[in-house]
Amino acid sequence: MSLPPPVAPPRIFASLRRLAARRRILALQARADAARYIIDDMVEDVEDRLGFLRFEPQRALVIGDWTGQLAAALTARGVEVVTADPAGLHGAMVLDEERPYPVAGFDFIASLGTLDTVNDLPGALIHLRGALAPGGLMIAKFMGAGSLPQLRAILMAADGDRPAARMHPMVDVRAGGQLLQRAGFADPVVDGHGVDVRFRSLAGLVGDVRAQGCGAVLTHAGPALGKAAMVRALAAFDAAADDDGRVIERFEIVTLSGWRKG
């Protein structure tokens, strides 16, 4: 008896919109006041984890770090580094995370800020493990569940009785652990932490989200907000503000790490 064909994962994210959002990062980062605190936090945390583990990789793959900070830090330690990115930013190797990697044998892989917008996350993690050498370590960081609660509430208020899909679904810590085990990683560790930022305006909040490539790239995105909806959005922002007129927004960063034992 023949087996049924495998079921393709749902196409939640639009690949072309995803690539466009990543390319837009470089244009927006050209501004003097461009935000980059999310990627800075990710890079710093990866370096701290490597130091805590006393892990000294020899050959590393760094995915998604459009600042080049992590690659530079690893290179300064004598590590041979290959950089990759879904959109090939800064001349990095173009990488489709939902297919087997064209390079492998790395004893360390860092994936920063990209896995939250792949349609087949279990498959992407399997490909990450496949690119590791036996004994290799993977650390993946991305925006997770609990992120942007204020913006979500503001957009819901703006849409009124007919809410539209404007922000994509996100992975929580519990699901992350199950995904690592499913992908075959040994000694999986999953945790999350928040980065809280205060904003004076809705435009500032949205600008920071876009400048760091954190915006939605849904296949079926909602329509642009009309004038009346924008008025409701601004009113919702003002209603959420503290006594100083600022809204505190949270960016929740999930970290998945695991080893390839064989």
C-alpha atoms as a PDB file:
ATOM      1  CA  MET A   1       0.000   0.000   0.000  1.00  0.00           C
ATOM      2  CA  SER A   2       1.415   3.388  -0.990  1.00  0.00           C
ATOM      3  CA  LEU A   3       1.794   6.077   1.631  1.00  0.00           C
ATOM      4  CA  PRO A   4      -0.013   9.398   1.238  1.00  0.00           C
ATOM      5  CA  PRO A   5       2.162  12.321   0.099  1.00  0.00           C
ATOM      6  CA  PRO A   6       3.517  14.521   2.896  1.00  0.00           C
ATOM      7  CA  VAL A   7       1.357  17.485   3.816  1.00  0.00           C
ATOM      8  CA  ALA A   8       3.009  20.798   2.946  1.00  0.00           C
ATOM      9  CA  PRO A   9       3.160  23.359   5.766  1.00  0.00           C
ATOM     10  CA  PRO A  10       0.698  26.253   5.486  1.00  0.00           C
ATOM     11  CA  ARG A  11       2.061  29.321   3.692  1.00  0.00           C
ATOM     12  CA  ILE A  12       1.635  31.818   6.501  1.00  0.00           C
ATOM     13  CA  PHE A  13       4.506  34.025   5.393  1.00  0.00           C
ATOM     14  CA  ALA A  14       5.101  35.481   1.925  1.00  0.00           C
ATOM     15  CA  SER A  15       8.684  34.819   0.827  1.00  0.00           C
ATOM     16  CA  LEU A  16       8.868  37.931  -1.355  1.00  0.00           C
ATOM     17  CA  ARG A  17       7.560  40.171   1.422  1.00  0.00           C
ATOM     18  CA  ARG A  18       9.995  38.555   3.841  1.00  0.00           C
ATOM     19  CA  LEU A  19      12.952  39.287   1.556  1.00  0.00           C
ATOM     20  CA  ALA A  20      11.730  42.838   0.920  1.00  0.00           C
ATOM     21  CA  ALA A  21      11.449  43.491   4.665  1.00  0.00           C
ATOM     22  CA  ARG A  22      15.021  42.304   5.212  1.00  0.00           C
ATOM     23  CA  ARG A  23      16.363  44.413   2.352  1.00  0.00           C
ATOM     24  CA  ARG A  24      14.493  47.398   3.771  1.00  0.00           C
ATOM     25  CA  ILE A  25      16.574  47.069   6.957  1.00  0.00           C
ATOM     26  CA  LEU A  26      19.676  48.379   5.187  1.00  0.00           C
ATOM     27  CA  ALA A  27      17.870  51.439   3.833  1.00  0.00           C
ATOM     28  CA  LEU A  28      16.296  52.282   7.181  1.00  0.00           C
ATOM     29  CA  GLN A  29      19.530  51.673   9.086  1.00  0.00           C
ATOM     30  CA  ALA A  30      21.197  54.385   7.011  1.00  0.00           C
ATOM     31  CA  ARG A  31      19.366  56.919   9.178  1.00  0.00           C
ATOM     32  CA  ALA A  32      21.400  58.344  12.033  1.00  0.00           C
ATOM     33  CA  ASP A  33      18.797  57.500  14.678  1.00  0.00           C
ATOM     34  CA  ALA A  34      17.910  54.013  13.409  1.00  0.00           C
ATOM     35  CA  ALA A  35      17.109  51.487  16.145  1.00  0.00           C
ATOM     36  CA  ARG A  36      19.182  48.302  16.383  1.00  0.00           C
ATOM     37  CA  TYR A  37      18.754  47.253  19.999  1.00  0.00           C
ATOM     38  CA  ILE A  38      17.132  43.892  19.178  1.00  0.00           C
ATOM     39  CA  ILE A  39      20.034  42.561  17.109  1.00  0.00           C
ATOM     40  CA  ASP A  40      22.531  44.091  19.571  1.00  0.00           C
ATOM     41  CA  ASP A  41      20.822  42.204  22.404  1.00  0.00           C
ATOM     42  CA  MET A  42      20.907  38.964  20.411  1.00  0.00           C
ATOM     43  CA  VAL A  43      24.590  39.264  19.550  1.00  0.00           C
ATOM     44  CA  GLU A  44      25.599  40.129  23.106  1.00  0.00           C
ATOM     45  CA  ASP A  45      23.628  37.206  24.492  1.00  0.00           C
ATOM     46  CA  VAL A  46      25.183  34.719  22.048  1.00  0.00           C
ATOM     47  CA  GLU A  47      28.662  35.880  23.045  1.00  0.00           C
ATOM     48  CA  ASP A  48      27.745  35.547  26.735  1.00  0.00           C
ATOM     49  CA  ARG A  49      26.454  31.999  26.202  1.00  0.00           C
ATOM     50  CA  LEU A  50      29.589  30.918  24.381  1.00  0.00           C
ATOM     51  CA  GLY A  51      31.665  32.338  27.238  1.00  0.00           C
ATOM     52  CA  PHE A  52      29.542  30.630  29.872  1.00  0.00           C
ATOM     53  CA  LEU A  53      29.816  27.289  28.068  1.00  0.00           C
ATOM     54  CA  ARG A  54      33.538  27.847  27.463  1.00  0.00           C
ATOM     55  CA  PHE A  55      32.864  26.673  23.944  1.00  0.00           C
ATOM     56  CA  GLU A  56      35.566  27.578  21.420  1.00  0.00           C
ATOM     57  CA  PRO A  57      34.318  26.839  17.901  1.00  0.00           C
ATOM     58  CA  GLN A  58      36.709  26.501  14.997  1.00  0.00           C
ATOM     59  CA  ARG A  59      34.261  26.930  12.112  1.00  0.00           C
ATOM     60  CA  ALA A  60      31.026  28.875  12.463  1.00  0.00           C
ATOM     61  CA  LEU A  61      27.999  29.838  10.402  1.00  0.00           C
ATOM     62  CA  VAL A  62      26.279  33.117  11.332  1.00  0.00           C
ATOM     63  CA  ILE A  63      22.800  33.604   9.848  1.00  0.00           C
ATOM     64  CA  GLY A  64      20.827  36.844   9.823  1.00  0.00           C
ATOM     65  CA  ASP A  65      23.210  39.218  11.636  1.00  0.00           C
ATOM     66  CA  TRP A  66      22.969  42.235   9.348  1.00  0.00           C
ATOM     67  CA  THR A  67      25.319  44.224  11.619  1.00  0.00           C
ATOM     68  CA  GLY A  68      28.288  41.874  11.167  1.00  0.00           C
ATOM     69  CA  GLN A  69      29.057  42.169  14.882  1.00  0.00           C
ATOM     70  CA  LEU A  70      28.974  38.485  15.747  1.00  0.00           C
ATOM     71  CA  ALA A  71      31.033  37.426  12.747  1.00  0.00           C
ATOM     72  CA  ALA A  72      33.633  40.063  13.610  1.00  0.00           C
ATOM     73  CA  ALA A  73      33.779  38.960  17.257  1.00  0.00           C
ATOM     74  CA  LEU A  74      34.200  35.298  16.294  1.00  0.00           C
ATOM     75  CA  THR A  75      36.809  36.113  13.650  1.00  0.00           C
ATOM     76  CA  ALA A  76      38.807  38.069  16.249  1.00  0.00           C
ATOM     77  CA  ARG A  77      38.913  34.844  18.291  1.00  0.00           C
ATOM     78  CA  GLY A  78      40.399  32.937  15.375  1.00  0.00           C
ATOM     79  CA  VAL A  79      37.166  31.308  14.225  1.00  0.00           C
ATOM     80  CA  GLU A  80      36.605  30.633  10.533  1.00  0.00           C
ATOM     81  CA  VAL A  81      33.242  32.301   9.864  1.00  0.00           C
ATOM     82  CA  VAL A  82      30.753  31.960   7.017  1.00  0.00           C
ATOM     83  CA  THR A  83      27.898  34.486   6.966  1.00  0.00           C
ATOM     84  CA  ALA A  84      24.474  33.825   5.460  1.00  0.00           C
ATOM     85  CA  ASP A  85      21.183  35.647   5.169  1.00  0.00           C
ATOM     86  CA  PRO A  86      17.805  34.976   3.530  1.00  0.00           C
ATOM     87  CA  ALA A  87      18.257  38.158   1.476  1.00  0.00           C
ATOM     88  CA  GLY A  88      22.052  38.048   1.142  1.00  0.00           C
ATOM     89  CA  LEU A  89      22.537  41.280   3.108  1.00  0.00           C
ATOM     90  CA  HIS A  90      26.032  42.778   3.082  1.00  0.00           C
ATOM     91  CA  GLY A  91      27.234  40.151   0.601  1.00  0.00           C
ATOM     92  CA  ALA A  92      26.392  37.199   2.843  1.00  0.00           C
ATOM     93  CA  MET A  93      25.602  33.864   1.252  1.00  0.00           C
ATOM     94  CA  VAL A  94      21.927  33.684   0.265  1.00  0.00           C
ATOM     95  CA  LEU A  95      20.313  30.950   2.336  1.00  0.00           C
ATOM     96  CA  ASP A  96      16.887  29.348   2.007  1.00  0.00           C
ATOM     97  CA  GLU A  97      16.337  28.057   5.527  1.00  0.00           C
ATOM     98  CA  GLU A  98      13.583  25.682   4.424  1.00  0.00           C
ATOM     99  CA  ARG A  99      15.957  23.647   2.229  1.00  0.00           C
ATOM    100  CA  PRO A 100      19.096  21.625   3.041  1.00  0.00           C
ATOM    101  CA  TYR A 101      22.054  23.957   3.374  1.00  0.00           C
ATOM    102  CA  PRO A 102      24.672  24.044   0.582  1.00  0.00           C
ATOM    103  CA  VAL A 103      27.435  24.081   3.245  1.00  0.00           C
ATOM    104  CA  ALA A 104      27.843  21.950   6.351  1.00  0.00           C
ATOM    105  CA  GLY A 105      30.336  20.698   8.924  1.00  0.00           C
ATOM    106  CA  PHE A 106      30.106  23.690  11.278  1.00  0.00           C
ATOM    107  CA  ASP A 107      30.819  23.222  14.965  1.00  0.00           C
ATOM    108  CA  PHE A 108      28.791  26.342  15.763  1.00  0.00           C
ATOM    109  CA  ILE A 109      25.767  27.949  14.091  1.00  0.00           C
ATOM    110  CA  ALA A 110      24.037  31.131  15.231  1.00  0.00           C
ATOM    111  CA  SER A 111      20.695  32.081  13.697  1.00  0.00           C
ATOM    112  CA  LEU A 112      19.548  35.583  14.584  1.00  0.00           C
ATOM    113  CA  GLY A 113      16.116  37.036  13.943  1.00  0.00           C
ATOM    114  CA  THR A 114      14.966  34.981  10.964  1.00  0.00           C
ATOM    115  CA  LEU A 115      13.311  31.758  12.124  1.00  0.00           C
ATOM    116  CA  ASP A 116      10.144  33.506  13.303  1.00  0.00           C
ATOM    117  CA  THR A 117       9.065  34.056   9.677  1.00  0.00           C
ATOM    118  CA  VAL A 118       9.697  30.673   8.043  1.00  0.00           C
ATOM    119  CA  ASN A 119       6.690  28.583   7.049  1.00  0.00           C
ATOM    120  CA  ASP A 120       8.295  25.262   7.979  1.00  0.00           C
ATOM    121  CA  LEU A 121      10.031  25.891  11.302  1.00  0.00           C
ATOM    122  CA  PRO A 122      10.461  22.179  12.153  1.00  0.00           C
ATOM    123  CA  GLY A 123      12.068  21.631   8.762  1.00  0.00           C
ATOM    124  CA  ALA A 124      14.298  24.693   9.176  1.00  0.00           C
ATOM    125  CA  LEU A 125      15.569  23.354  12.505  1.00  0.00           C
ATOM    126  CA  ILE A 126      16.262  19.971  10.930  1.00  0.00           C
ATOM    127  CA  HIS A 127      18.342  21.699   8.243  1.00  0.00           C
ATOM    128  CA  LEU A 128      20.223  23.627  10.926  1.00  0.00           C
ATOM    129  CA  ARG A 129      21.077  20.385  12.698  1.00  0.00           C
ATOM    130  CA  GLY A 130      22.118  18.863   9.385  1.00  0.00           C
ATOM    131  CA  ALA A 131      24.625  21.681   8.827  1.00  0.00           C
ATOM    132  CA  LEU A 132      26.318  21.004  12.170  1.00  0.00           C
ATOM    133  CA  ALA A 133      29.284  18.697  12.579  1.00  0.00           C
ATOM    134  CA  PRO A 134      28.962  16.007  15.275  1.00  0.00           C
ATOM    135  CA  GLY A 135      29.471  17.738  18.610  1.00  0.00           C
ATOM    136  CA  GLY A 136      28.389  21.058  17.162  1.00  0.00           C
ATOM    137  CA  LEU A 137      26.231  23.680  18.902  1.00  0.00           C
ATOM    138  CA  MET A 138      23.306  25.676  17.509  1.00  0.00           C
ATOM    139  CA  ILE A 139      21.903  28.855  19.064  1.00  0.00           C
ATOM    140  CA  ALA A 140      18.841  30.395  17.408  1.00  0.00           C
ATOM    141  CA  LYS A 141      17.221  33.632  18.554  1.00  0.00           C
ATOM    142  CA  PHE A 142      14.069  35.296  17.277  1.00  0.00           C
ATOM    143  CA  MET A 143      11.043  37.330  18.308  1.00  0.00           C
ATOM    144  CA  GLY A 144       8.655  35.141  20.255  1.00  0.00           C
ATOM    145  CA  ALA A 145       5.176  35.032  21.739  1.00  0.00           C
ATOM    146  CA  GLY A 146       4.467  37.947  24.050  1.00  0.00           C
ATOM    147  CA  SER A 147       6.138  40.466  21.765  1.00  0.00           C
ATOM    148  CA  LEU A 148       4.537  43.828  20.981  1.00  0.00           C
ATOM    149  CA  PRO A 149       1.442  43.541  23.196  1.00  0.00           C
ATOM    150  CA  GLN A 150       0.808  47.291  23.057  1.00  0.00           C
ATOM    151  CA  LEU A 151       1.007  47.450  19.271  1.00  0.00           C
ATOM    152  CA  ARG A 152      -1.318  44.465  18.976  1.00  0.00           C
ATOM    153  CA  ALA A 153      -3.882  46.156  21.227  1.00  0.00           C
ATOM    154  CA  ILE A 154      -3.558  49.438  19.345  1.00  0.00           C
ATOM    155  CA  LEU A 155      -4.141  47.771  15.985  1.00  0.00           C
ATOM    156  CA  MET A 156      -7.117  45.863  17.348  1.00  0.00           C
ATOM    157  CA  ALA A 157      -8.596  49.140  18.550  1.00  0.00           C
ATOM    158  CA  ALA A 158      -7.897  50.745  15.183  1.00  0.00           C
ATOM    159  CA  ASP A 159      -9.711  48.001  13.281  1.00  0.00           C
ATOM    160  CA  GLY A 160     -12.749  48.106  15.550  1.00  0.00           C
ATOM    161  CA  ASP A 161     -15.344  45.408  14.933  1.00  0.00           C
ATOM    162  CA  ARG A 162     -13.537  44.011  11.863  1.00  0.00           C
ATOM    163  CA  PRO A 163      -9.989  43.149  12.947  1.00  0.00           C
ATOM    164  CA  ALA A 164      -7.543  42.316  10.163  1.00  0.00           C
ATOM    165  CA  ALA A 165      -4.458  40.108  10.167  1.00  0.00           C
ATOM    166  CA  ARG A 166      -1.632  42.572  10.796  1.00  0.00           C
ATOM    167  CA  MET A 167       0.834  40.714  13.047  1.00  0.00           C
ATOM    168  CA  HIS A 168       2.037  37.201  12.551  1.00  0.00           C
ATOM    169  CA  PRO A 169       1.737  34.307  15.032  1.00  0.00           C
ATOM    170  CA  MET A 170       4.772  33.682  17.232  1.00  0.00           C
ATOM    171  CA  VAL A 171       6.425  30.708  18.928  1.00  0.00           C
ATOM    172  CA  ASP A 172       6.486  30.475  22.715  1.00  0.00           C
ATOM    173  CA  VAL A 173       9.108  28.860  24.945  1.00  0.00           C
ATOM    174  CA  ARG A 174       7.152  25.644  25.489  1.00  0.00           C
ATOM    175  CA  ALA A 175       6.655  25.059  21.763  1.00  0.00           C
ATOM    176  CA  GLY A 176      10.326  25.828  21.163  1.00  0.00           C
ATOM    177  CA  GLY A 177      11.403  22.935  23.357  1.00  0.00           C
ATOM    178  CA  GLN A 178       9.117  20.531  21.526  1.00  0.00           C
ATOM    179  CA  LEU A 179      10.474  21.744  18.170  1.00  0.00           C
ATOM    180  CA  LEU A 180      14.092  21.158  19.222  1.00  0.00           C
ATOM    181  CA  GLN A 181      13.324  17.611  20.331  1.00  0.00           C
ATOM    182  CA  ARG A 182      11.428  16.936  17.110  1.00  0.00           C
ATOM    183  CA  ALA A 183      14.414  18.159  15.084  1.00  0.00           C
ATOM    184  CA  GLY A 184      16.732  15.737  16.903  1.00  0.00           C
ATOM    185  CA  PHE A 185      18.819  18.175  18.960  1.00  0.00           C
ATOM    186  CA  ALA A 186      20.490  16.799  22.066  1.00  0.00           C
ATOM    187  CA  ASP A 187      20.415  18.606  25.413  1.00  0.00           C
ATOM    188  CA  PRO A 188      17.894  21.195  24.182  1.00  0.00           C
ATOM    189  CA  VAL A 189      17.577  24.433  26.128  1.00  0.00           C
ATOM    190  CA  VAL A 190      14.857  27.021  25.553  1.00  0.00           C
ATOM    191  CA  ASP A 191      14.399  30.333  27.331  1.00  0.00           C
ATOM    192  CA  GLY A 192      13.143  33.818  26.716  1.00  0.00           C
ATOM    193  CA  HIS A 193      13.655  37.327  27.980  1.00  0.00           C
ATOM    194  CA  GLY A 194      12.073  40.679  27.294  1.00  0.00           C
ATOM    195  CA  VAL A 195      13.485  43.972  26.056  1.00  0.00           C
ATOM    196  CA  ASP A 196      11.303  46.874  27.213  1.00  0.00           C
ATOM    197  CA  VAL A 197      11.423  50.168  25.313  1.00  0.00           C
ATOM    198  CA  ARG A 198       9.550  53.425  25.965  1.00  0.00           C
ATOM    199  CA  PHE A 199       8.042  55.315  23.039  1.00  0.00           C
ATOM    200  CA  ARG A 200       6.760  58.872  22.780  1.00  0.00           C
ATOM    201  CA  SER A 201       4.717  58.208  19.639  1.00  0.00           C
ATOM    202  CA  LEU A 202       3.067  55.475  17.627  1.00  0.00           C
ATOM    203  CA  ALA A 203       5.194  56.490  14.657  1.00  0.00           C
ATOM    204  CA  GLY A 204       8.323  55.913  16.724  1.00  0.00           C
ATOM    205  CA  LEU A 205       7.163  52.448  17.743  1.00  0.00           C
ATOM    206  CA  VAL A 206       6.259  51.412  14.209  1.00  0.00           C
ATOM    207  CA  GLY A 207       9.491  52.926  12.896  1.00  0.00           C
ATOM    208  CA  ASP A 208      11.607  50.862  15.298  1.00  0.00           C
ATOM    209  CA  VAL A 209       9.739  47.687  14.353  1.00  0.00           C
ATOM    210  CA  ARG A 210      10.326  48.256  10.643  1.00  0.00           C
ATOM    211  CA  ALA A 211      13.942  49.390  10.994  1.00  0.00           C
ATOM    212  CA  GLN A 212      14.817  46.121  12.724  1.00  0.00           C
ATOM    213  CA  GLY A 213      12.964  43.864  10.308  1.00  0.00           C
ATOM    214  CA  CYS A 214      10.346  42.842  12.879  1.00  0.00           C
ATOM    215  CA  GLY A 215       7.257  43.753  10.892  1.00  0.00           C
ATOM    216  CA  ALA A 216       4.669  41.299   9.630  1.00  0.00           C
ATOM    217  CA  VAL A 217       5.304  39.541   6.302  1.00  0.00           C
ATOM    218  CA  LEU A 218       2.036  37.645   6.108  1.00  0.00           C
ATOM    219  CA  THR A 219       0.855  36.055   2.881  1.00  0.00           C
ATOM    220  CA  HIS A 220      -2.616  37.483   3.477  1.00  0.00           C
ATOM    221  CA  ALA A 221      -2.004  40.834   5.121  1.00  0.00           C
ATOM    222  CA  GLY A 222      -4.712  43.228   6.185  1.00  0.00           C
ATOM    223  CA  PRO A 223      -5.428  46.441   4.277  1.00  0.00           C
ATOM    224  CA  ALA A 224      -3.713  49.708   5.132  1.00  0.00           C
ATOM    225  CA  LEU A 225      -5.293  51.686   7.946  1.00  0.00           C
ATOM    226  CA  GLY A 226      -7.646  54.394   6.739  1.00  0.00           C
ATOM    227  CA  LYS A 227      -7.947  57.867   8.259  1.00  0.00           C
ATOM    228  CA  ALA A 228     -10.605  56.877  10.771  1.00  0.00           C
ATOM    229  CA  ALA A 229      -8.624  53.809  11.817  1.00  0.00           C
ATOM    230  CA  MET A 230      -5.484  55.927  12.271  1.00  0.00           C
ATOM    231  CA  VAL A 231      -7.396  58.286  14.538  1.00  0.00           C
ATOM    232  CA  ARG A 232      -8.483  55.310  16.661  1.00  0.00           C
ATOM    233  CA  ALA A 233      -4.916  53.965  16.700  1.00  0.00           C
ATOM    234  CA  LEU A 234      -3.476  57.275  17.907  1.00  0.00           C
ATOM    235  CA  ALA A 235      -6.175  57.521  20.559  1.00  0.00           C
ATOM    236  CA  ALA A 236      -5.382  53.984  21.742  1.00  0.00           C
ATOM    237  CA  PHE A 237      -1.673  54.859  21.965  1.00  0.00           C
ATOM    238  CA  ASP A 238      -2.448  57.956  24.043  1.00  0.00           C
ATOM    239  CA  ALA A 239      -4.737  55.913  26.307  1.00  0.00           C
ATOM    240  CA  ALA A 240      -1.929  53.422  26.972  1.00  0.00           C
ATOM    241  CA  ALA A 241       0.662  56.111  27.754  1.00  0.00           C
ATOM    242  CA  ASP A 242       2.029  56.700  31.254  1.00  0.00           C
ATOM    243  CA  ASP A 243       2.182  60.041  33.065  1.00  0.00           C
ATOM    244  CA  ASP A 244       5.170  61.054  30.917  1.00  0.00           C
ATOM    245  CA  GLY A 245       3.210  60.422  27.745  1.00  0.00           C
ATOM    246  CA  ARG A 246       5.160  57.294  26.829  1.00  0.00           C
ATOM    247  CA  VAL A 247       4.100  53.747  26.078  1.00  0.00           C
ATOM    248  CA  ILE A 248       6.271  50.847  27.248  1.00  0.00           C
ATOM    249  CA  GLU A 249       6.484  48.148  24.592  1.00  0.00           C
ATOM    250  CA  ARG A 250       8.011  44.704  25.030  1.00  0.00           C
ATOM    251  CA  PHE A 251      10.070  42.716  22.538  1.00  0.00           C
ATOM    252  CA  GLU A 252      10.221  39.087  23.722  1.00  0.00           C
ATOM    253  CA  ILE A 253      13.275  37.210  22.473  1.00  0.00           C
ATOM    254  CA  VAL A 254      13.160  33.407  22.436  1.00  0.00           C
ATOM    255  CA  THR A 255      16.417  31.439  22.401  1.00  0.00           C
ATOM    256  CA  LEU A 256      16.672  27.835  21.240  1.00  0.00           C
ATOM    257  CA  SER A 257      19.930  25.942  21.683  1.00  0.00           C
ATOM    258  CA  GLY A 258      20.953  22.353  21.207  1.00  0.00           C
ATOM    259  CA  TRP A 259      23.766  20.034  20.170  1.00  0.00           C
ATOM    260  CA  ARG A 260      24.290  17.534  17.432  1.00  0.00           C
ATOM    261  CA  LYS A 261      25.653  14.443  19.118  1.00  0.00           C
ATOM    262  CA  GLY A 262      25.872  12.212  16.070  1.00  0.00           C
END
